[in-house]
C-alpha atoms as a PDB file:
ATOM      1  CA  MET A   1      -7.442 -42.498  -8.763  1.00  0.00           C
ATOM      2  CA  ASN A   2      -8.879 -42.989 -12.186  1.00  0.00           C
ATOM      3  CA  GLY A   3      -5.456 -43.409 -13.783  1.00  0.00           C
ATOM      4  CA  ASP A   4      -5.702 -40.505 -16.211  1.00  0.00           C
ATOM      5  CA  PRO A   5      -2.380 -38.651 -16.012  1.00  0.00           C
ATOM      6  CA  LEU A   6      -3.846 -35.454 -17.524  1.00  0.00           C
ATOM      7  CA  VAL A   7      -6.410 -35.208 -14.731  1.00  0.00           C
ATOM      8  CA  SER A   8      -3.718 -35.841 -12.144  1.00  0.00           C
ATOM      9  CA  LEU A   9      -1.478 -33.200 -13.725  1.00  0.00           C
ATOM     10  CA  GLY A  10      -4.334 -30.686 -13.802  1.00  0.00           C
ATOM     11  CA  GLY A  11      -5.136 -31.361 -10.153  1.00  0.00           C
ATOM     12  CA  ALA A  12      -1.482 -30.936  -9.208  1.00  0.00           C
ATOM     13  CA  ILE A  13      -1.250 -27.618 -11.055  1.00  0.00           C
ATOM     14  CA  VAL A  14      -4.393 -26.323  -9.370  1.00  0.00           C
ATOM     15  CA  GLY A  15      -3.095 -27.488  -5.996  1.00  0.00           C
ATOM     16  CA  VAL A  16       0.365 -25.993  -6.450  1.00  0.00           C
ATOM     17  CA  PHE A  17      -0.665 -22.642  -7.922  1.00  0.00           C
ATOM     18  CA  GLY A  18      -4.356 -22.144  -7.228  1.00  0.00           C
ATOM     19  CA  LEU A  19      -4.482 -22.824  -3.511  1.00  0.00           C
ATOM     20  CA  PRO A  20      -1.640 -20.445  -2.507  1.00  0.00           C
ATOM     21  CA  LEU A  21      -3.055 -17.689  -4.726  1.00  0.00           C
ATOM     22  CA  TRP A  22      -6.468 -18.143  -3.165  1.00  0.00           C
ATOM     23  CA  ALA A  23      -4.966 -18.047   0.348  1.00  0.00           C
ATOM     24  CA  LEU A  24      -3.006 -14.860  -0.418  1.00  0.00           C
ATOM     25  CA  SER A  25      -6.097 -13.254  -1.909  1.00  0.00           C
ATOM     26  CA  PHE A  26      -8.115 -14.151   1.188  1.00  0.00           C
ATOM     27  CA  LEU A  27      -5.468 -12.741   3.550  1.00  0.00           C
ATOM     28  CA  ARG A  28      -5.151  -9.558   1.482  1.00  0.00           C
ATOM     29  CA  LYS A  29      -8.905  -8.945   1.520  1.00  0.00           C
ATOM     30  CA  ARG A  30      -9.018  -9.500   5.267  1.00  0.00           C
ATOM     31  CA  ARG A  31      -6.137  -7.032   5.879  1.00  0.00           C
ATOM     32  CA  VAL A  32      -7.695  -4.391   3.619  1.00  0.00           C
ATOM     33  CA  SER A  33     -11.023  -4.822   5.381  1.00  0.00           C
ATOM     34  CA  LYS A  34      -9.404  -4.313   8.801  1.00  0.00           C
ATOM     35  CA  PHE A  35      -7.519  -1.279   7.495  1.00  0.00           C
ATOM     36  CA  VAL A  36     -10.673   0.315   6.093  1.00  0.00           C
ATOM     37  CA  GLU A  37     -12.421  -0.324   9.408  1.00  0.00           C
ATOM     38  CA  GLU A  38      -9.699   1.343  11.519  1.00  0.00           C
ATOM     39  CA  PHE A  39      -8.600   4.121   9.134  1.00  0.00           C
ATOM     40  CA  PRO A  40     -11.350   6.638  10.078  1.00  0.00           C
ATOM     41  CA  SER A  41     -10.236   6.621  13.714  1.00  0.00           C
ATOM     42  CA  ALA A  42      -6.636   7.230  12.620  1.00  0.00           C
ATOM     43  CA  ILE A  43      -7.759  10.200  10.539  1.00  0.00           C
ATOM     44  CA  ASP A  44      -9.740  11.442  13.542  1.00  0.00           C
ATOM     45  CA  VAL A  45      -6.597  11.336  15.703  1.00  0.00           C
ATOM     46  CA  ILE A  46      -4.706  13.316  13.065  1.00  0.00           C
ATOM     47  CA  VAL A  47      -7.462  15.920  12.695  1.00  0.00           C
ATOM     48  CA  ARG A  48      -7.781  16.377  16.463  1.00  0.00           C
ATOM     49  CA  GLY A  49      -4.032  16.722  16.830  1.00  0.00           C
ATOM     50  CA  VAL A  50      -3.773  19.338  14.089  1.00  0.00           C
ATOM     51  CA  ARG A  51      -6.663  21.288  15.634  1.00  0.00           C
ATOM     52  CA  GLU A  52      -4.816  21.280  18.953  1.00  0.00           C
ATOM     53  CA  GLY A  53      -1.692  22.645  17.271  1.00  0.00           C
ATOM     54  CA  LEU A  54       0.433  19.506  16.934  1.00  0.00           C
ATOM     55  CA  PRO A  55       2.533  19.100  13.800  1.00  0.00           C
ATOM     56  CA  VAL A  56       1.215  16.548  11.309  1.00  0.00           C
ATOM     57  CA  ALA A  57       4.368  14.445  11.708  1.00  0.00           C
ATOM     58  CA  ASP A  58       3.691  14.126  15.453  1.00  0.00           C
ATOM     59  CA  CYS A  59       0.116  13.085  14.731  1.00  0.00           C
ATOM     60  CA  PHE A  60       1.398  10.422  12.347  1.00  0.00           C
ATOM     61  CA  ARG A  61       3.772   9.175  15.064  1.00  0.00           C
ATOM     62  CA  ILE A  62       0.902   8.920  17.535  1.00  0.00           C
ATOM     63  CA  VAL A  63      -1.094   6.829  15.075  1.00  0.00           C
ATOM     64  CA  ALA A  64       1.988   4.714  14.265  1.00  0.00           C
ATOM     65  CA  ASN A  65       2.484   3.935  17.959  1.00  0.00           C
ATOM     66  CA  GLU A  66      -1.073   3.564  19.238  1.00  0.00           C
ATOM     67  CA  ALA A  67      -3.384   2.455  16.420  1.00  0.00           C
ATOM     68  CA  PRO A  68      -4.321  -1.202  15.981  1.00  0.00           C
ATOM     69  CA  GLU A  69      -2.879  -3.255  13.155  1.00  0.00           C
ATOM     70  CA  PRO A  70      -2.751  -2.950  10.116  1.00  0.00           C
ATOM     71  CA  VAL A  71      -3.065   0.849  10.391  1.00  0.00           C
ATOM     72  CA  ARG A  72      -0.103   0.958  12.771  1.00  0.00           C
ATOM     73  CA  SER A  73       2.328  -0.744  10.392  1.00  0.00           C
ATOM     74  CA  GLU A  74       1.246   1.383   7.437  1.00  0.00           C
ATOM     75  CA  PHE A  75       1.747   4.607   9.376  1.00  0.00           C
ATOM     76  CA  ARG A  76       5.109   3.340  10.629  1.00  0.00           C
ATOM     77  CA  GLN A  77       6.205   3.091   7.012  1.00  0.00           C
ATOM     78  CA  ILE A  78       5.117   6.689   6.477  1.00  0.00           C
ATOM     79  CA  VAL A  79       6.947   7.920   9.579  1.00  0.00           C
END
């Protein structure tokens, strides 16, 4: 270390606050990206179900039970 307490304090602040915020931001972007990738197929399931005469709530339940994450957990909250 260079012995400067201000530099050490600044590094500690960045380490304590900056790193967790960066990690949360990274995880959030990854989850949103997966959701956007899988959402069209969930909408397709809903549209097909409604065309076949199923109630929308049943279509939501199908998506909530069979879709991959994170779409599944979001539709479970809706149901």
